[in-house]
Amino acid sequence: MKKTLSALALALGLTPIGAGVHAEESAIQTHKGRYLDVQLLGVNDFHGQIDITRNVAGEPVGRADYLASYLKQRESENPNTLLVHAGDMVGASSPTSALLQDEPTVEIMNQMGFDVGTLGNHEFDEGVDEMMRLINGGTHATTGYFEGADFPYVAANVIDKETKKNILPSYVIKKVKGVNIGFIGVVLSDTPDIVIPSGTAGVEFIDEAEAINKATKALKKKGVKSIVVLAHNPVEQSATGEVSGELVDMANKVDDEVDVMFGAHNHRNVNAVVDNKLIVQAFSYGTAFADVDLKIDRRTKDIVKSKAEVVSVMQKGVTPDSSITKIIKQAEDQVAPIINEVVGKTDQLLSGTGAYNGETELGNVIADSMTEQTGTDFAFMNPGGIRDVINPGEVTWGELFNVQPFGNDLVTMALTGAQIKELFESQWATDREKMLQISGLKATFDLSKAVGDRTVSMVKKDGTPIVAEQEYTVTVNNFMAGGGDGYTVLLEGKNPTVSVTDLEALVNYFKNRDTVSAQIEGRITKINP
């Protein structure tokens, strides 16, 4: 099976970039009995997509029961296998998981036999208490008692504000055939900037590299020399193999005793070596996983060779794992009456793809649903909140949930024209540029100008200029209203009032129309892009 999967990966442009670390192959082969072969199977950014099939190159890919079959097959090839994940396993989930507090996703991870995981920013979506309930077990008003995860979570850089202690262990040691392997977990330190304020209330985040080095020092004192980092931090790899991003910076800063670093967050395919450390990330949504092969010297306890492969979870020719299918079916049956309700229809594909760079059809629909619901002059929608497309035909409640799965409340407030300009300029004030999706106005941006002066025109739909000193009513979601994504000017808005959820507004928008259609209509114009 491994040969077949490699061929599929190659056909999809996922050619593995094998990497040898610390030793020559010939030297290793000389003392075969001295070395232990360990396999790590890694998943990142699953986002509770337990029942979702996607398409790659026209072929069905993903879904939890198919992923489980792949992992089980790989495990059968090496008895010394550990399953790991790098965070965002829940949050922005399919309604089949989300409506049940993501308990089905954790149950599926338990059934798959995960050995260790770390936190992503989305684990904080419903706050620290709910995150810890999913990990440690506990009762929720909606779903009752849940036993939690059967495997440990590690997070070296998340600290309780009052006690100044880690809310989870910094690391865990796994013993494989007498050899100890240390696993350190970290989550991106700017998590408070990308989740609602209540999500990270009571905790603080320290520098990832600093936390990794502290944990590595503790592991080395215990004699652990084989060290793996599970990092919910982004990394990019170009077509020519060059890598960049936070994880690369971290790799260059952390102790050289660290051998392997799993990345996450930006949903990329990465397989490379940085500072003699193997770096790997396997897309997202269960459409792929990372297979990392380690060779450990039993005498020195150190990893002397490592290589990785990113494997695509193609459904064709694969039998889904029946035990996982059963869990999915049980969850689907519970939520079916809600998610299968037809709320409207559309005669076109409504997509928010490209929302980070400009106006999109789906972005317009969402923003218009906000102004229609609240009656404000304008609405602004963050592009990162658009999580799926809407296909032509009948549209169900579940499809709209997949588009806006966070359950964010809409917040109305008053802003001056000058503050609206400052809001627009915030789009370029962070490392990742973005483009707000808008309703009720049109804006022109000159991207050749300095940040702070790029907004060259703001007018209402009828062409009336927006006046700097005049106040206007606006609608945003509560994530933005709390200053998320760097939109801190919204904290200055007058008379903030909470309305319905963004999902409810979108559902109402579809229910109010026979057919929803949208087009690019010049709401956003970019000069010198």
Protein backbone atom coordinates (compact mmCIF):
# COMPACT_ATOMS: atom_id res chain seq x y z
CA MET A 1 0.00 0.00 0.00
CA LYS A 2 2.83 2.39 0.78
CA LYS A 3 4.16 2.25 -2.78
CA THR A 4 0.71 2.94 -4.20
CA LEU A 5 0.16 5.91 -1.89
CA SER A 6 3.51 7.39 -2.82
CA ALA A 7 2.54 7.19 -6.47
CA LEU A 8 -0.72 8.98 -5.72
CA ALA A 9 1.12 11.67 -3.80
CA LEU A 10 3.48 12.13 -6.74
CA ALA A 11 0.57 12.46 -9.16
CA LEU A 12 -0.91 15.17 -6.95
CA GLY A 13 2.32 17.10 -6.71
CA LEU A 14 3.04 15.90 -3.18
CA THR A 15 6.46 14.49 -3.95
CA PRO A 16 8.12 13.61 -0.64
CA ILE A 17 11.37 15.38 0.06
CA GLY A 18 13.20 12.72 2.08
CA ALA A 19 15.67 14.02 4.59
CA GLY A 20 18.54 12.30 6.35
CA VAL A 21 19.69 13.81 9.61
CA HIS A 22 22.84 13.37 11.74
CA ALA A 23 24.34 10.26 10.19
CA GLU A 24 25.39 8.54 6.99
CA GLU A 25 23.26 5.68 5.72
CA SER A 26 26.22 3.37 5.32
CA ALA A 27 27.28 3.79 8.93
CA ILE A 28 23.76 3.02 10.11
CA GLN A 29 23.48 -0.13 8.05
CA THR A 30 26.71 -1.45 9.55
CA HIS A 31 25.09 -1.87 12.98
CA LYS A 32 21.49 -2.71 12.16
CA GLY A 33 20.73 -4.38 15.50
CA ARG A 34 21.76 -1.24 17.30
CA TYR A 35 19.05 0.91 15.77
CA LEU A 36 15.34 1.19 16.50
CA ASP A 37 12.96 2.16 13.70
CA VAL A 38 10.09 4.33 14.95
CA GLN A 39 7.23 5.67 12.86
CA LEU A 40 5.32 8.86 13.68
CA LEU A 41 2.00 9.45 11.93
CA GLY A 42 0.96 13.09 12.21
CA VAL A 43 -2.27 14.98 11.53
CA ASN A 44 -2.84 18.72 11.76
CA ASP A 45 -5.78 21.11 11.33
CA PHE A 46 -8.46 18.42 11.13
CA HIS A 47 -11.14 20.92 12.23
CA GLY A 48 -13.72 18.30 13.12
CA GLN A 49 -14.29 17.35 9.48
CA ILE A 50 -15.37 13.88 10.47
CA ASP A 51 -17.99 13.44 7.74
CA ILE A 52 -16.65 15.73 5.01
CA THR A 53 -15.28 14.52 1.68
CA ARG A 54 -13.27 16.93 -0.42
CA ASN A 55 -11.93 16.71 -3.97
CA VAL A 56 -8.32 16.82 -5.14
CA ALA A 57 -7.62 16.53 -8.86
CA GLY A 58 -11.21 15.36 -9.33
CA GLU A 59 -10.88 12.53 -6.82
CA PRO A 60 -12.64 12.20 -3.42
CA VAL A 61 -10.26 12.82 -0.52
CA GLY A 62 -10.50 12.82 3.26
CA ARG A 63 -13.21 11.84 5.77
CA ALA A 64 -12.36 10.44 9.18
CA ASP A 65 -13.11 6.78 8.44
CA TYR A 66 -10.84 6.79 5.38
CA LEU A 67 -8.09 8.58 7.30
CA ALA A 68 -8.39 5.90 9.97
CA SER A 69 -7.91 3.15 7.39
CA TYR A 70 -4.74 4.79 6.10
CA LEU A 71 -3.35 5.23 9.59
CA LYS A 72 -4.19 1.65 10.53
CA GLN A 73 -2.45 0.37 7.38
CA ARG A 74 0.68 2.38 8.11
CA GLU A 75 0.68 1.22 11.72
CA SER A 76 0.61 -2.38 10.57
CA GLU A 77 3.89 -1.81 8.72
CA ASN A 78 5.77 -0.82 11.87
CA PRO A 79 4.81 -1.97 15.38
CA ASN A 80 6.78 0.97 16.79
CA THR A 81 4.25 3.60 15.67
CA LEU A 82 2.97 6.67 17.50
CA LEU A 83 0.05 8.84 16.36
CA VAL A 84 0.43 12.57 17.00
CA HIS A 85 -1.37 15.78 16.12
CA ALA A 86 -0.39 19.44 15.96
CA GLY A 87 -3.62 21.15 16.99
CA ASP A 88 -6.83 22.59 15.54
CA MET A 89 -8.33 19.12 15.58
CA VAL A 90 -11.59 20.77 16.69
CA GLY A 91 -13.12 24.16 16.01
CA ALA A 92 -14.53 25.47 12.70
CA SER A 93 -15.90 21.95 12.58
CA SER A 94 -18.53 20.20 10.51
CA PRO A 95 -21.94 20.60 12.20
CA THR A 96 -21.99 16.83 12.72
CA SER A 97 -19.20 17.39 15.24
CA ALA A 98 -19.74 21.01 16.28
CA LEU A 99 -23.40 20.66 17.29
CA LEU A 100 -22.29 17.92 19.68
CA GLN A 101 -19.53 20.08 21.19
CA ASP A 102 -16.89 18.32 19.05
CA GLU A 103 -17.18 15.25 21.23
CA PRO A 104 -17.47 12.97 18.16
CA THR A 105 -14.09 14.21 16.91
CA VAL A 106 -12.40 13.47 20.22
CA GLU A 107 -14.12 10.08 20.35
CA ILE A 108 -12.78 9.34 16.85
CA MET A 109 -9.25 10.35 17.88
CA ASN A 110 -9.56 8.01 20.84
CA GLN A 111 -10.70 5.20 18.60
CA MET A 112 -7.83 5.85 16.17
CA GLY A 113 -5.41 5.54 19.07
CA PHE A 114 -3.65 8.90 19.16
CA ASP A 115 -0.71 8.99 21.55
CA VAL A 116 -0.12 12.72 22.04
CA GLY A 117 -1.38 16.05 20.74
CA THR A 118 -1.06 19.77 21.26
CA LEU A 119 -3.34 22.79 21.17
CA GLY A 120 -4.22 24.94 18.18
CA ASN A 121 -5.85 28.34 18.33
CA HIS A 122 -9.25 26.81 17.54
CA GLU A 123 -9.17 24.64 20.63
CA PHE A 124 -9.74 27.96 22.46
CA ASP A 125 -12.86 28.93 20.46
CA GLU A 126 -15.25 28.22 23.35
CA GLY A 127 -12.89 29.15 26.14
CA VAL A 128 -10.34 27.40 28.29
CA ASP A 129 -12.87 25.56 30.49
CA GLU A 130 -14.58 23.90 27.53
CA MET A 131 -11.22 23.08 25.96
CA MET A 132 -10.09 21.39 29.16
CA ARG A 133 -13.43 19.53 29.42
CA LEU A 134 -12.86 17.97 26.01
CA ILE A 135 -9.36 16.95 27.07
CA ASN A 136 -9.94 15.84 30.66
CA GLY A 137 -13.63 14.99 30.61
CA GLY A 138 -16.63 16.67 32.21
CA THR A 139 -20.25 17.67 31.78
CA HIS A 140 -21.76 20.07 29.26
CA ALA A 141 -25.33 21.37 29.44
CA THR A 142 -26.04 20.30 25.86
CA THR A 143 -24.38 16.91 25.64
CA GLY A 144 -24.07 15.70 29.23
CA TYR A 145 -21.01 13.90 30.54
CA PHE A 146 -18.06 13.18 28.27
CA GLU A 147 -15.00 11.16 29.25
CA GLY A 148 -12.50 13.28 27.34
CA ALA A 149 -9.37 12.33 25.45
CA ASP A 150 -7.62 9.02 26.08
CA PHE A 151 -4.23 10.54 25.29
CA PRO A 152 -2.19 13.42 26.74
CA TYR A 153 -2.09 16.98 25.43
CA VAL A 154 1.07 19.03 25.83
CA ALA A 155 1.47 22.81 25.67
CA ALA A 156 4.70 24.38 26.85
CA ASN A 157 3.77 28.00 26.23
CA VAL A 158 0.24 28.39 27.65
CA ILE A 159 0.34 29.77 31.19
CA ASP A 160 -2.35 30.40 33.79
CA LYS A 161 -2.36 34.14 34.46
CA GLU A 162 -2.87 33.76 38.20
CA THR A 163 -0.71 30.77 39.10
CA LYS A 164 1.88 31.36 36.35
CA LYS A 165 1.94 27.60 35.82
CA ASN A 166 1.35 25.68 32.61
CA ILE A 167 -2.28 24.68 32.13
CA LEU A 168 -1.05 21.46 30.50
CA PRO A 169 2.26 19.58 30.73
CA SER A 170 5.03 21.08 28.61
CA TYR A 171 6.06 17.67 27.37
CA VAL A 172 5.41 13.97 27.62
CA ILE A 173 7.87 11.08 27.34
CA LYS A 174 6.85 8.03 25.31
CA LYS A 175 8.89 4.85 25.74
CA VAL A 176 9.28 2.71 22.63
CA LYS A 177 11.13 -0.59 23.05
CA GLY A 178 13.17 0.84 25.90
CA VAL A 179 13.96 4.14 24.16
CA ASN A 180 12.46 7.41 25.45
CA ILE A 181 11.09 9.96 22.98
CA GLY A 182 10.13 13.40 24.25
CA PHE A 183 7.21 15.29 22.73
CA ILE A 184 6.93 19.04 23.35
CA GLY A 185 3.83 21.03 22.36
CA VAL A 186 3.41 24.73 21.56
CA VAL A 187 0.67 26.87 20.01
CA LEU A 188 1.25 30.14 18.18
CA SER A 189 1.74 32.91 20.72
CA ASP A 190 -0.54 35.35 18.90
CA THR A 191 -3.57 33.13 19.57
CA PRO A 192 -5.23 35.92 21.63
CA ASP A 193 -5.27 38.07 18.48
CA ILE A 194 -7.15 35.53 16.38
CA VAL A 195 -9.84 34.19 18.73
CA ILE A 196 -12.54 36.04 20.63
CA PRO A 197 -11.31 37.58 23.91
CA SER A 198 -13.33 35.15 26.03
CA GLY A 199 -11.53 32.26 24.35
CA THR A 200 -8.21 32.97 26.01
CA ALA A 201 -9.46 34.61 29.21
CA GLY A 202 -7.32 33.60 32.16
CA VAL A 203 -4.29 32.42 30.21
CA GLU A 204 -1.25 33.98 28.57
CA PHE A 205 1.11 32.79 25.88
CA ILE A 206 4.87 32.95 26.06
CA ASP A 207 7.38 32.80 23.21
CA GLU A 208 7.32 29.39 21.52
CA ALA A 209 11.09 28.97 21.08
CA GLU A 210 11.72 30.00 24.68
CA ALA A 211 9.17 27.44 25.89
CA ILE A 212 10.59 24.69 23.68
CA ASN A 213 14.13 25.32 24.92
CA LYS A 214 13.00 25.23 28.54
CA ALA A 215 11.21 21.91 27.97
CA THR A 216 14.16 20.54 26.01
CA LYS A 217 16.48 21.37 28.89
CA ALA A 218 14.22 19.45 31.26
CA LEU A 219 14.10 16.46 28.91
CA LYS A 220 17.87 16.41 28.51
CA LYS A 221 18.25 16.35 32.28
CA LYS A 222 16.15 13.18 32.23
CA GLY A 223 18.45 11.67 29.62
CA VAL A 224 16.00 12.09 26.71
CA LYS A 225 17.83 12.86 23.48
CA SER A 226 15.16 12.00 20.90
CA ILE A 227 12.91 15.06 20.91
CA VAL A 228 9.92 15.94 18.71
CA VAL A 229 8.04 19.25 18.73
CA LEU A 230 4.34 19.47 17.91
CA ALA A 231 3.97 23.13 16.96
CA HIS A 232 0.77 24.84 15.90
CA ASN A 233 2.78 27.37 13.94
CA PRO A 234 2.78 28.08 10.21
CA VAL A 235 5.42 27.16 7.66
CA GLU A 236 5.51 27.54 3.88
CA GLN A 237 7.41 25.62 1.20
CA SER A 238 7.80 26.87 -2.36
CA ALA A 239 7.77 24.75 -5.50
CA THR A 240 11.57 24.88 -5.45
CA GLY A 241 11.71 23.53 -1.91
CA GLU A 242 12.51 26.75 -0.05
CA VAL A 243 10.84 27.06 3.34
CA SER A 244 9.80 30.12 5.33
CA GLY A 245 7.55 31.13 8.17
CA GLU A 246 7.35 31.09 11.94
CA LEU A 247 8.31 27.44 12.25
CA VAL A 248 11.51 28.04 10.29
CA ASP A 249 12.45 30.90 12.63
CA MET A 250 11.73 28.66 15.60
CA ALA A 251 13.81 25.81 14.17
CA ASN A 252 16.80 28.10 13.97
CA LYS A 253 16.33 29.23 17.58
CA VAL A 254 15.63 26.00 19.42
CA ASP A 255 18.09 23.55 20.93
CA ASP A 256 19.77 21.26 18.40
CA GLU A 257 18.66 18.28 20.45
CA VAL A 258 15.26 18.82 18.81
CA ASP A 259 15.11 16.48 15.83
CA VAL A 260 11.64 16.81 14.29
CA MET A 261 9.08 19.65 14.22
CA PHE A 262 5.50 19.17 13.08
CA GLY A 263 3.91 22.41 11.83
CA ALA A 264 0.28 23.48 11.40
CA HIS A 265 -2.13 26.43 11.19
CA ASN A 266 -1.73 27.52 7.56
CA HIS A 267 -2.82 24.20 6.00
CA ARG A 268 0.24 23.64 3.81
CA ASN A 269 2.22 20.71 2.45
CA VAL A 270 5.76 20.95 3.84
CA ASN A 271 8.56 18.39 4.01
CA ALA A 272 12.04 19.83 4.46
CA VAL A 273 15.08 20.19 6.71
CA VAL A 274 15.95 23.38 8.58
CA ASP A 275 19.03 23.56 10.81
CA ASN A 276 19.25 19.75 10.78
CA LYS A 277 15.65 19.52 11.98
CA LEU A 278 13.02 17.73 9.93
CA ILE A 279 10.03 20.03 9.31
CA VAL A 280 6.71 18.57 8.16
CA GLN A 281 3.09 19.68 7.75
CA ALA A 282 0.29 17.71 6.06
CA PHE A 283 -2.34 20.04 4.60
CA SER A 284 -5.62 19.99 6.62
CA TYR A 285 -9.13 18.57 7.12
CA GLY A 286 -7.89 14.96 7.15
CA THR A 287 -7.07 15.09 3.44
CA ALA A 288 -3.47 14.06 4.21
CA PHE A 289 -1.18 12.93 7.00
CA ALA A 290 2.56 12.93 7.63
CA ASP A 291 4.52 9.68 7.89
CA VAL A 292 7.82 10.35 9.66
CA ASP A 293 10.33 7.51 9.93
CA LEU A 294 12.96 7.77 12.66
CA LYS A 295 16.06 5.69 13.24
CA ILE A 296 17.19 5.86 16.87
CA ASP A 297 20.53 4.68 18.19
CA ARG A 298 19.70 2.40 21.13
CA ARG A 299 23.10 3.12 22.70
CA THR A 300 23.12 6.93 22.51
CA LYS A 301 19.29 7.27 22.64
CA ASP A 302 19.48 9.87 19.86
CA ILE A 303 17.73 10.11 16.51
CA VAL A 304 20.38 9.52 13.87
CA LYS A 305 18.20 9.60 10.76
CA SER A 306 14.75 10.90 9.87
CA LYS A 307 12.69 11.20 6.74
CA ALA A 308 9.10 12.09 5.96
CA GLU A 309 6.34 11.57 3.45
CA VAL A 310 3.10 13.52 3.13
CA VAL A 311 0.39 11.05 2.14
CA SER A 312 -2.88 12.05 0.50
CA VAL A 313 -6.00 10.32 1.87
CA MET A 314 -7.55 9.26 -1.43
CA GLN A 315 -10.81 7.36 -0.97
CA LYS A 316 -10.68 5.38 -4.22
CA GLY A 317 -9.90 1.72 -3.63
CA VAL A 318 -9.83 2.11 0.16
CA THR A 319 -12.34 0.59 2.58
CA PRO A 320 -13.33 3.00 5.34
CA ASP A 321 -12.76 1.92 8.93
CA SER A 322 -16.11 0.54 10.11
CA SER A 323 -15.61 1.52 13.75
CA ILE A 324 -15.13 5.16 12.75
CA THR A 325 -18.01 5.03 10.26
CA LYS A 326 -20.24 3.91 13.14
CA ILE A 327 -19.27 6.94 15.25
CA ILE A 328 -19.90 9.27 12.31
CA LYS A 329 -23.31 7.71 11.63
CA GLN A 330 -24.37 8.04 15.27
CA ALA A 331 -23.44 11.73 15.24
CA GLU A 332 -25.13 12.33 11.89
CA ASP A 333 -28.35 10.75 13.11
CA GLN A 334 -28.41 13.04 16.15
CA VAL A 335 -28.01 16.27 14.18
CA ALA A 336 -29.80 15.30 10.94
CA PRO A 337 -33.11 17.13 11.66
CA ILE A 338 -31.20 20.39 12.06
CA ILE A 339 -28.56 20.26 9.36
CA ASN A 340 -30.75 18.79 6.60
CA GLU A 341 -33.35 21.57 6.69
CA VAL A 342 -33.50 23.28 3.29
CA VAL A 343 -33.37 27.04 3.87
CA GLY A 344 -33.07 28.31 0.30
CA LYS A 345 -31.38 27.84 -3.03
CA THR A 346 -28.83 29.45 -5.31
CA ASP A 347 -28.29 29.19 -9.04
CA GLN A 348 -24.52 29.58 -8.85
CA LEU A 349 -21.40 28.64 -6.94
CA LEU A 350 -20.97 31.15 -4.11
CA SER A 351 -17.33 31.18 -3.14
CA GLY A 352 -15.24 33.20 -0.74
CA THR A 353 -12.00 31.87 -2.20
CA GLY A 354 -9.79 34.87 -2.71
CA ALA A 355 -11.42 36.89 0.06
CA TYR A 356 -8.00 37.71 1.47
CA ASN A 357 -7.18 39.51 -1.76
CA GLY A 358 -10.41 41.20 -2.82
CA GLU A 359 -14.16 41.15 -3.28
CA THR A 360 -15.90 37.77 -3.53
CA GLU A 361 -19.47 36.68 -4.27
CA LEU A 362 -19.88 34.86 -0.97
CA GLY A 363 -18.25 37.70 0.94
CA ASN A 364 -20.85 40.05 -0.54
CA VAL A 365 -23.71 37.72 0.43
CA ILE A 366 -22.48 37.40 4.01
CA ALA A 367 -21.91 41.13 4.44
CA ASP A 368 -25.32 41.90 2.91
CA SER A 369 -26.98 39.43 5.26
CA MET A 370 -25.49 41.40 8.14
CA THR A 371 -26.84 44.79 7.04
CA GLU A 372 -30.20 43.26 6.15
CA GLN A 373 -30.48 41.69 9.59
CA THR A 374 -29.45 44.75 11.60
CA GLY A 375 -30.43 47.69 9.37
CA THR A 376 -27.06 49.43 9.74
CA ASP A 377 -25.44 51.60 7.09
CA PHE A 378 -22.48 49.29 6.55
CA ALA A 379 -21.17 45.84 7.44
CA PHE A 380 -17.66 44.42 7.51
CA MET A 381 -16.77 40.72 7.46
CA ASN A 382 -13.31 39.28 8.14
CA PRO A 383 -12.20 36.95 5.31
CA GLY A 384 -10.86 34.30 7.69
CA GLY A 385 -14.39 33.70 8.94
CA ILE A 386 -15.55 32.34 5.57
CA ARG A 387 -14.86 28.62 5.88
CA ASP A 388 -16.57 26.94 2.92
CA VAL A 389 -18.35 27.47 -0.41
CA ILE A 390 -22.06 27.14 -1.27
CA ASN A 391 -22.79 24.93 -4.26
CA PRO A 392 -25.61 25.55 -6.77
CA GLY A 393 -29.00 24.06 -5.96
CA GLU A 394 -30.89 23.67 -2.72
CA VAL A 395 -29.04 25.06 0.29
CA THR A 396 -29.34 23.43 3.71
CA TRP A 397 -28.81 24.82 7.18
CA GLY A 398 -25.78 22.55 7.49
CA GLU A 399 -24.16 24.03 4.38
CA LEU A 400 -24.51 27.53 5.79
CA PHE A 401 -23.12 26.32 9.10
CA ASN A 402 -20.03 25.06 7.28
CA VAL A 403 -19.59 28.55 5.85
CA GLN A 404 -19.89 30.28 9.24
CA PRO A 405 -19.26 27.66 11.94
CA PHE A 406 -18.13 29.86 14.83
CA GLY A 407 -21.50 31.01 16.12
CA ASN A 408 -20.26 34.60 16.34
CA ASP A 409 -22.76 37.23 17.45
CA LEU A 410 -23.34 40.24 15.25
CA VAL A 411 -22.48 43.53 16.97
CA THR A 412 -23.75 46.92 15.85
CA MET A 413 -22.00 50.17 16.74
CA ALA A 414 -21.39 53.70 15.56
CA LEU A 415 -18.14 54.69 13.87
CA THR A 416 -17.00 57.91 12.25
CA GLY A 417 -15.84 57.99 8.66
CA ALA A 418 -12.30 58.49 9.97
CA GLN A 419 -12.60 55.35 12.10
CA ILE A 420 -13.88 53.39 9.12
CA LYS A 421 -10.80 54.46 7.19
CA GLU A 422 -8.64 53.33 10.12
CA LEU A 423 -10.49 50.00 10.06
CA PHE A 424 -9.61 49.57 6.40
CA GLU A 425 -5.97 50.47 7.02
CA SER A 426 -5.85 47.74 9.70
CA GLN A 427 -6.05 45.25 6.85
CA TRP A 428 -2.37 45.81 6.11
CA ALA A 429 -1.08 46.40 9.63
CA THR A 430 -0.34 42.74 10.42
CA ASP A 431 1.94 40.13 8.93
CA ARG A 432 -0.83 38.63 6.80
CA GLU A 433 -2.68 41.11 4.62
CA LYS A 434 -6.41 40.65 4.27
CA MET A 435 -9.39 42.27 2.61
CA LEU A 436 -12.58 42.95 4.52
CA GLN A 437 -15.77 41.89 2.75
CA ILE A 438 -18.14 44.86 2.81
CA SER A 439 -21.78 45.89 2.42
CA GLY A 440 -23.32 49.33 1.92
CA LEU A 441 -20.22 51.06 0.60
CA LYS A 442 -17.46 50.98 -1.98
CA ALA A 443 -13.78 51.55 -1.30
CA THR A 444 -10.69 52.14 -3.43
CA PHE A 445 -7.21 51.31 -2.19
CA ASP A 446 -3.84 52.34 -3.62
CA LEU A 447 -1.50 49.58 -2.51
CA SER A 448 1.57 51.50 -3.62
CA LYS A 449 1.06 53.96 -0.77
CA ALA A 450 2.23 53.49 2.81
CA VAL A 451 0.01 51.69 5.30
CA GLY A 452 -2.19 54.30 6.89
CA ASP A 453 -2.73 56.14 3.64
CA ARG A 454 -3.92 53.46 1.22
CA THR A 455 -7.64 54.19 1.41
CA VAL A 456 -8.09 56.80 -1.32
CA SER A 457 -11.88 56.68 -1.66
CA MET A 458 -14.88 55.59 0.42
CA VAL A 459 -18.40 56.16 -0.88
CA LYS A 460 -21.89 54.86 -0.19
CA LYS A 461 -23.59 52.65 -2.75
CA ASP A 462 -25.12 55.71 -4.36
CA GLY A 463 -21.72 57.37 -4.71
CA THR A 464 -22.11 59.79 -1.80
CA PRO A 465 -18.70 60.31 -0.14
CA ILE A 466 -18.22 59.04 3.41
CA VAL A 467 -17.36 62.03 5.58
CA ALA A 468 -14.56 61.71 8.12
CA GLU A 469 -16.40 63.53 10.95
CA GLN A 470 -19.82 61.98 10.39
CA GLU A 471 -21.02 58.94 12.34
CA TYR A 472 -22.36 55.83 10.62
CA THR A 473 -23.88 52.64 11.96
CA VAL A 474 -21.94 49.45 11.21
CA THR A 475 -22.24 45.73 11.85
CA VAL A 476 -19.34 43.36 12.54
CA ASN A 477 -19.07 39.99 14.27
CA ASN A 478 -18.05 39.82 17.91
CA PHE A 479 -14.61 38.48 16.99
CA MET A 480 -13.86 41.68 15.12
CA ALA A 481 -15.68 43.83 17.68
CA GLY A 482 -13.29 42.51 20.33
CA GLY A 483 -10.29 43.73 18.34
CA GLY A 484 -9.56 40.36 16.69
CA ASP A 485 -7.23 40.26 13.67
CA GLY A 486 -5.86 43.64 14.71
CA TYR A 487 -9.10 45.59 14.15
CA THR A 488 -8.62 47.45 17.44
CA VAL A 489 -10.36 50.62 16.25
CA LEU A 490 -13.64 48.73 16.68
CA LEU A 491 -13.05 48.83 20.43
CA GLU A 492 -13.76 52.57 20.13
CA GLY A 493 -17.20 52.08 18.56
CA LYS A 494 -20.11 53.83 20.29
CA ASN A 495 -23.25 52.10 21.58
CA PRO A 496 -22.18 48.50 20.85
CA THR A 497 -25.23 46.24 20.79
CA VAL A 498 -25.31 42.46 20.37
CA SER A 499 -27.71 41.07 17.77
CA VAL A 500 -28.34 37.54 16.44
CA THR A 501 -25.55 35.17 15.37
CA ASP A 502 -23.91 35.54 11.98
CA LEU A 503 -25.29 32.14 11.00
CA GLU A 504 -28.84 33.12 11.87
CA ALA A 505 -28.52 36.26 9.75
CA LEU A 506 -27.23 34.23 6.81
CA VAL A 507 -30.03 31.66 7.17
CA ASN A 508 -32.62 34.45 7.24
CA TYR A 509 -31.07 36.00 4.14
CA PHE A 510 -31.57 32.76 2.21
CA LYS A 511 -35.06 32.22 3.59
CA ASN A 512 -36.09 35.71 2.45
CA ARG A 513 -35.33 34.96 -1.21
CA ASP A 514 -36.49 32.50 -3.83
CA THR A 515 -32.97 32.29 -5.21
CA VAL A 516 -29.76 33.87 -3.92
CA SER A 517 -27.36 35.22 -6.51
CA ALA A 518 -24.35 37.49 -6.29
CA GLN A 519 -21.62 38.94 -8.43
CA ILE A 520 -18.48 40.99 -8.19
CA GLU A 521 -19.84 44.51 -8.43
CA GLY A 522 -16.94 46.80 -7.70
CA ARG A 523 -17.31 47.15 -3.96
CA ILE A 524 -13.52 46.88 -3.65
CA THR A 525 -11.11 48.43 -6.14
CA LYS A 526 -7.35 48.03 -5.86
CA ILE A 527 -4.90 50.40 -7.57
CA ASN A 528 -1.29 49.32 -8.10
CA PRO A 529 -1.81 45.91 -6.47
